[in-house]
């Protein structure tokens, strides 16, 4: 935000965009006109008229422990604040924070019919409890460590799970997103790439494979709701089966092919 304002840009908070189209953005406070309009709403893309099926809003939830003492850190490791995950289908991820906690998150919250974004999902106890259970399974020494924070947010997921950036110069419309929860670095790259595409600046970034990629739209409801939530359920069952048998789940891998 500071960089935008230093360059003369204006950030207007508390203003909901409802429609974007070439040369203009319609908001609940009026219409903004611009030579170039960039759609970069990620999980909130479906709130725009005509974009309900562009990206599916899926939730990722997180927890954080209380600060952990040095003795327990010796047992845990992560001395260099490494991030960690494993190979389960229902993605999990964690890291040591700057103030000595473990922040840990994962998927599993249900998809809402019609791509609706419901803030109550971000505090869904059942999913948070499952995430805490996974954390303790990975690091049993944390069983008596208190969980002090629980939160979540919505991700933008393309139908082929492939992020993209692009610029249609004839229409003055640019886009970037579909990071599926891996947008910390990707969004920075997307911003730099979009700036170069819009200003016609030659760069190796503008030749990357995700430039100009267009994912097909998600299926209409109720197929979208059935497919996504069915896949989430199957992935959870597959993880449980693999943990018990030590064998890879064919069903889940088939479902991954269907989703992609």
Foldseek 3Di string as FASTA:
>chain_A
DVVCVVVPHDDDPPWAFAEDFQQWTQIPVGIDGDNADEAEPFLCQLSHPPCLFFWAKFKKKKWKFDADDPVVCVVVPLPVFDKDWDDAPFTKIWTQDPRRMIMIMTGQQAGDASSDDDQVSQVDPVRHVVRVVVVCVVPVVCVPIGTDDMGMGIGTAGQLLAWAWEADNVRNYIYTGRNRPPCPVVVVLRVVLVVCRVVVNDDPSCVDPRYPDGGDTHDHPPVNNCLRRVLSVVSVVQSVVCVVPVDHDPVNVVSNVVSD
